[in-house]
């Protein structure tokens, strides 16, 4: 039984093999594919650009903008003792929202879905990896009424 070579010796051996032309077959295929892609002519590049690649680009572009639809922002209203006390005392409702949602997204979602005016939105992440939005409702509207609609009270 021989001992395993140390990490440093393995690196040296691997670099010697590469220099001698001994490359793992998997890595050789990847290098060959990369060479072909880099040296492809303009005619081949036109064939490669099909409908599939255009669709993928559009999807990636949408993901980067982070645009959420109104119904994707709010997940559910939070029902806890503290949240219920905020409804009565401060005219606020607490929602658990999508992780990608911003304050502006939350404001827009609440105003359009529930037909109320929002004064302020505060957002925090809790220890359970949820994103909570504390939504302050305008004085012209009552958080109690909205909470009963949602089934919180």
C-alpha atoms as a PDB file:
ATOM      1  CA  UNK A   1       0.000   0.000   0.000  1.00  0.00           C
ATOM      2  CA  UNK A   2       1.426   3.291  -1.072  1.00  0.00           C
ATOM      3  CA  UNK A   3       0.646   6.592   0.494  1.00  0.00           C
ATOM      4  CA  UNK A   4      -1.472   9.166  -1.294  1.00  0.00           C
ATOM      5  CA  UNK A   5       0.535  12.055  -2.691  1.00  0.00           C
ATOM      6  CA  UNK A   6       0.055  15.352  -0.931  1.00  0.00           C
ATOM      7  CA  UNK A   7      -2.120  18.076  -2.428  1.00  0.00           C
ATOM      8  CA  UNK A   8       0.892  20.027  -3.680  1.00  0.00           C
ATOM      9  CA  UNK A   9       2.349  16.912  -5.333  1.00  0.00           C
ATOM     10  CA  UNK A  10      -0.998  16.154  -7.008  1.00  0.00           C
ATOM     11  CA  UNK A  11      -1.045  19.667  -8.500  1.00  0.00           C
ATOM     12  CA  UNK A  12       2.486  19.279  -9.811  1.00  0.00           C
ATOM     13  CA  UNK A  13       1.660  15.879 -11.306  1.00  0.00           C
ATOM     14  CA  UNK A  14      -1.493  17.238 -12.954  1.00  0.00           C
ATOM     15  CA  UNK A  15       0.374  20.164 -14.477  1.00  0.00           C
ATOM     16  CA  UNK A  16       3.109  17.814 -15.795  1.00  0.00           C
ATOM     17  CA  UNK A  17       0.469  15.608 -17.406  1.00  0.00           C
ATOM     18  CA  UNK A  18      -1.148  18.594 -19.083  1.00  0.00           C
ATOM     19  CA  UNK A  19       2.191  19.749 -20.402  1.00  0.00           C
ATOM     20  CA  UNK A  20       2.945  16.244 -21.696  1.00  0.00           C
ATOM     21  CA  UNK A  21      -0.405  16.175 -23.517  1.00  0.00           C
ATOM     22  CA  UNK A  22      -2.150  13.831 -21.129  1.00  0.00           C
ATOM     23  CA  UNK A  23      -5.513  15.444 -20.506  1.00  0.00           C
ATOM     24  CA  UNK A  24      -8.628  13.892 -19.059  1.00  0.00           C
ATOM     25  CA  UNK A  25     -11.022  12.985 -21.920  1.00  0.00           C
ATOM     26  CA  UNK A  26     -13.834  15.093 -20.465  1.00  0.00           C
ATOM     27  CA  UNK A  27     -11.616  18.181 -20.399  1.00  0.00           C
ATOM     28  CA  UNK A  28     -10.372  17.454 -23.900  1.00  0.00           C
ATOM     29  CA  UNK A  29     -13.954  17.434 -25.250  1.00  0.00           C
ATOM     30  CA  UNK A  30     -14.733  20.736 -23.515  1.00  0.00           C
ATOM     31  CA  UNK A  31     -11.605  22.339 -24.947  1.00  0.00           C
ATOM     32  CA  UNK A  32     -12.445  21.044 -28.420  1.00  0.00           C
ATOM     33  CA  UNK A  33     -16.007  22.408 -28.212  1.00  0.00           C
ATOM     34  CA  UNK A  34     -14.736  25.777 -27.010  1.00  0.00           C
ATOM     35  CA  UNK A  35     -12.265  25.946 -29.920  1.00  0.00           C
ATOM     36  CA  UNK A  36     -14.999  25.197 -32.446  1.00  0.00           C
ATOM     37  CA  UNK A  37     -17.266  27.852 -30.956  1.00  0.00           C
ATOM     38  CA  UNK A  38     -14.531  30.465 -30.979  1.00  0.00           C
ATOM     39  CA  UNK A  39     -13.518  29.813 -34.580  1.00  0.00           C
ATOM     40  CA  UNK A  40     -16.990  29.372 -36.058  1.00  0.00           C
ATOM     41  CA  UNK A  41     -17.651  31.419 -39.189  1.00  0.00           C
ATOM     42  CA  UNK A  42     -20.357  34.041 -39.523  1.00  0.00           C
ATOM     43  CA  UNK A  43     -22.546  31.611 -41.467  1.00  0.00           C
ATOM     44  CA  UNK A  44     -22.501  29.133 -38.580  1.00  0.00           C
ATOM     45  CA  UNK A  45     -23.247  31.886 -36.080  1.00  0.00           C
ATOM     46  CA  UNK A  46     -26.445  32.723 -37.967  1.00  0.00           C
ATOM     47  CA  UNK A  47     -27.601  29.105 -37.794  1.00  0.00           C
ATOM     48  CA  UNK A  48     -26.917  28.927 -34.074  1.00  0.00           C
ATOM     49  CA  UNK A  49     -29.147  31.935 -33.381  1.00  0.00           C
ATOM     50  CA  UNK A  50     -32.596  30.372 -33.534  1.00  0.00           C
ATOM     51  CA  UNK A  51     -35.890  31.001 -31.805  1.00  0.00           C
ATOM     52  CA  UNK A  52     -34.733  29.169 -28.693  1.00  0.00           C
ATOM     53  CA  UNK A  53     -31.809  31.480 -27.990  1.00  0.00           C
ATOM     54  CA  UNK A  54     -33.985  34.561 -28.559  1.00  0.00           C
ATOM     55  CA  UNK A  55     -36.535  33.297 -26.046  1.00  0.00           C
ATOM     56  CA  UNK A  56     -33.847  32.539 -23.487  1.00  0.00           C
ATOM     57  CA  UNK A  57     -32.503  36.054 -23.831  1.00  0.00           C
ATOM     58  CA  UNK A  58     -35.938  37.571 -23.227  1.00  0.00           C
ATOM     59  CA  UNK A  59     -36.491  35.413 -20.128  1.00  0.00           C
ATOM     60  CA  UNK A  60     -33.108  36.374 -18.710  1.00  0.00           C
ATOM     61  CA  UNK A  61     -33.810  40.016 -19.377  1.00  0.00           C
ATOM     62  CA  UNK A  62     -37.117  39.800 -17.475  1.00  0.00           C
ATOM     63  CA  UNK A  63     -35.417  38.044 -14.562  1.00  0.00           C
ATOM     64  CA  UNK A  64     -32.799  40.782 -14.327  1.00  0.00           C
ATOM     65  CA  UNK A  65     -35.377  43.560 -14.159  1.00  0.00           C
ATOM     66  CA  UNK A  66     -37.065  41.796 -11.259  1.00  0.00           C
ATOM     67  CA  UNK A  67     -40.520  42.867 -12.461  1.00  0.00           C
ATOM     68  CA  UNK A  68     -43.131  41.118 -10.331  1.00  0.00           C
ATOM     69  CA  UNK A  69     -46.798  40.985 -11.188  1.00  0.00           C
ATOM     70  CA  UNK A  70     -49.204  42.501  -8.676  1.00  0.00           C
ATOM     71  CA  UNK A  71     -50.589  39.150  -7.581  1.00  0.00           C
ATOM     72  CA  UNK A  72     -47.084  37.690  -7.054  1.00  0.00           C
ATOM     73  CA  UNK A  73     -45.993  40.303  -4.515  1.00  0.00           C
ATOM     74  CA  UNK A  74     -48.221  39.551  -1.504  1.00  0.00           C
ATOM     75  CA  UNK A  75     -48.095  35.993  -0.211  1.00  0.00           C
ATOM     76  CA  UNK A  76     -50.345  36.139   2.867  1.00  0.00           C
ATOM     77  CA  UNK A  77     -51.263  38.443   5.777  1.00  0.00           C
ATOM     78  CA  UNK A  78     -49.391  37.690   8.965  1.00  0.00           C
ATOM     79  CA  UNK A  79     -51.575  36.673  11.891  1.00  0.00           C
ATOM     80  CA  UNK A  80     -49.787  37.093  15.192  1.00  0.00           C
ATOM     81  CA  UNK A  81     -50.485  38.931  18.420  1.00  0.00           C
ATOM     82  CA  UNK A  82     -48.154  41.760  17.486  1.00  0.00           C
ATOM     83  CA  UNK A  83     -49.657  42.094  14.015  1.00  0.00           C
ATOM     84  CA  UNK A  84     -53.216  42.197  15.369  1.00  0.00           C
ATOM     85  CA  UNK A  85     -52.222  44.875  17.913  1.00  0.00           C
ATOM     86  CA  UNK A  86     -50.745  46.940  15.053  1.00  0.00           C
ATOM     87  CA  UNK A  87     -54.020  46.700  13.140  1.00  0.00           C
ATOM     88  CA  UNK A  88     -55.963  48.143  16.081  1.00  0.00           C
ATOM     89  CA  UNK A  89     -53.449  50.624  17.447  1.00  0.00           C
ATOM     90  CA  UNK A  90     -51.424  51.929  14.467  1.00  0.00           C
ATOM     91  CA  UNK A  91     -53.681  51.279  11.435  1.00  0.00           C
ATOM     92  CA  UNK A  92     -51.028  48.944   9.979  1.00  0.00           C
ATOM     93  CA  UNK A  93     -51.301  45.532   8.351  1.00  0.00           C
ATOM     94  CA  UNK A  94     -48.409  43.069   8.135  1.00  0.00           C
ATOM     95  CA  UNK A  95     -47.956  40.938   5.023  1.00  0.00           C
ATOM     96  CA  UNK A  96     -45.431  38.258   4.195  1.00  0.00           C
ATOM     97  CA  UNK A  97     -44.245  39.189   0.713  1.00  0.00           C
ATOM     98  CA  UNK A  98     -42.133  37.779  -2.079  1.00  0.00           C
ATOM     99  CA  UNK A  99     -38.393  37.966  -1.407  1.00  0.00           C
ATOM    100  CA  UNK A 100     -37.788  39.938  -4.599  1.00  0.00           C
ATOM    101  CA  UNK A 101     -40.504  42.510  -3.856  1.00  0.00           C
ATOM    102  CA  UNK A 102     -39.539  46.115  -3.176  1.00  0.00           C
ATOM    103  CA  UNK A 103     -41.381  48.708  -1.108  1.00  0.00           C
ATOM    104  CA  UNK A 104     -42.820  50.227  -4.273  1.00  0.00           C
ATOM    105  CA  UNK A 105     -44.059  46.802  -5.435  1.00  0.00           C
ATOM    106  CA  UNK A 106     -45.776  46.207  -2.090  1.00  0.00           C
ATOM    107  CA  UNK A 107     -47.404  49.656  -2.131  1.00  0.00           C
ATOM    108  CA  UNK A 108     -48.711  49.168  -5.663  1.00  0.00           C
ATOM    109  CA  UNK A 109     -50.006  45.655  -4.914  1.00  0.00           C
ATOM    110  CA  UNK A 110     -51.902  46.662  -1.765  1.00  0.00           C
ATOM    111  CA  UNK A 111     -53.410  49.757  -3.384  1.00  0.00           C
ATOM    112  CA  UNK A 112     -54.593  47.929  -6.507  1.00  0.00           C
ATOM    113  CA  UNK A 113     -55.819  44.706  -4.883  1.00  0.00           C
ATOM    114  CA  UNK A 114     -57.599  46.177  -1.862  1.00  0.00           C
ATOM    115  CA  UNK A 115     -58.551  49.707  -3.067  1.00  0.00           C
ATOM    116  CA  UNK A 116     -56.948  51.562  -0.163  1.00  0.00           C
ATOM    117  CA  UNK A 117     -54.360  54.329   0.009  1.00  0.00           C
ATOM    118  CA  UNK A 118     -51.017  53.416   1.548  1.00  0.00           C
ATOM    119  CA  UNK A 119     -49.025  55.984   3.522  1.00  0.00           C
ATOM    120  CA  UNK A 120     -45.843  54.060   4.204  1.00  0.00           C
ATOM    121  CA  UNK A 121     -44.256  50.636   3.767  1.00  0.00           C
ATOM    122  CA  UNK A 122     -41.500  49.255   5.991  1.00  0.00           C
ATOM    123  CA  UNK A 123     -39.820  45.974   5.076  1.00  0.00           C
ATOM    124  CA  UNK A 124     -37.718  43.581   7.131  1.00  0.00           C
ATOM    125  CA  UNK A 125     -36.516  40.001   6.978  1.00  0.00           C
ATOM    126  CA  UNK A 126     -37.120  37.829  10.003  1.00  0.00           C
ATOM    127  CA  UNK A 127     -35.241  34.868  11.409  1.00  0.00           C
ATOM    128  CA  UNK A 128     -37.480  32.421   9.528  1.00  0.00           C
ATOM    129  CA  UNK A 129     -36.194  33.809   6.187  1.00  0.00           C
ATOM    130  CA  UNK A 130     -39.489  35.541   5.453  1.00  0.00           C
ATOM    131  CA  UNK A 131     -39.779  39.071   4.150  1.00  0.00           C
ATOM    132  CA  UNK A 132     -42.371  41.021   6.100  1.00  0.00           C
ATOM    133  CA  UNK A 133     -43.938  44.279   4.939  1.00  0.00           C
ATOM    134  CA  UNK A 134     -45.509  46.606   7.498  1.00  0.00           C
ATOM    135  CA  UNK A 135     -48.086  48.596   5.512  1.00  0.00           C
ATOM    136  CA  UNK A 136     -49.441  51.815   7.069  1.00  0.00           C
ATOM    137  CA  UNK A 137     -52.931  52.524   5.733  1.00  0.00           C
ATOM    138  CA  UNK A 138     -54.127  56.111   5.229  1.00  0.00           C
ATOM    139  CA  UNK A 139     -56.446  57.569   7.902  1.00  0.00           C
ATOM    140  CA  UNK A 140     -59.294  57.762   5.361  1.00  0.00           C
ATOM    141  CA  UNK A 141     -59.360  53.943   5.351  1.00  0.00           C
ATOM    142  CA  UNK A 142     -59.496  51.520   8.261  1.00  0.00           C
ATOM    143  CA  UNK A 143     -57.107  48.621   8.637  1.00  0.00           C
ATOM    144  CA  UNK A 144     -59.806  46.839  10.710  1.00  0.00           C
ATOM    145  CA  UNK A 145     -62.099  46.599   7.694  1.00  0.00           C
ATOM    146  CA  UNK A 146     -59.328  45.318   5.451  1.00  0.00           C
ATOM    147  CA  UNK A 147     -58.278  42.800   8.104  1.00  0.00           C
ATOM    148  CA  UNK A 148     -61.817  41.418   8.361  1.00  0.00           C
ATOM    149  CA  UNK A 149     -61.922  41.101   4.545  1.00  0.00           C
ATOM    150  CA  UNK A 150     -58.672  39.132   4.687  1.00  0.00           C
ATOM    151  CA  UNK A 151     -59.861  36.987   7.616  1.00  0.00           C
ATOM    152  CA  UNK A 152     -57.214  38.207  10.058  1.00  0.00           C
ATOM    153  CA  UNK A 153     -59.742  39.483  12.623  1.00  0.00           C
END
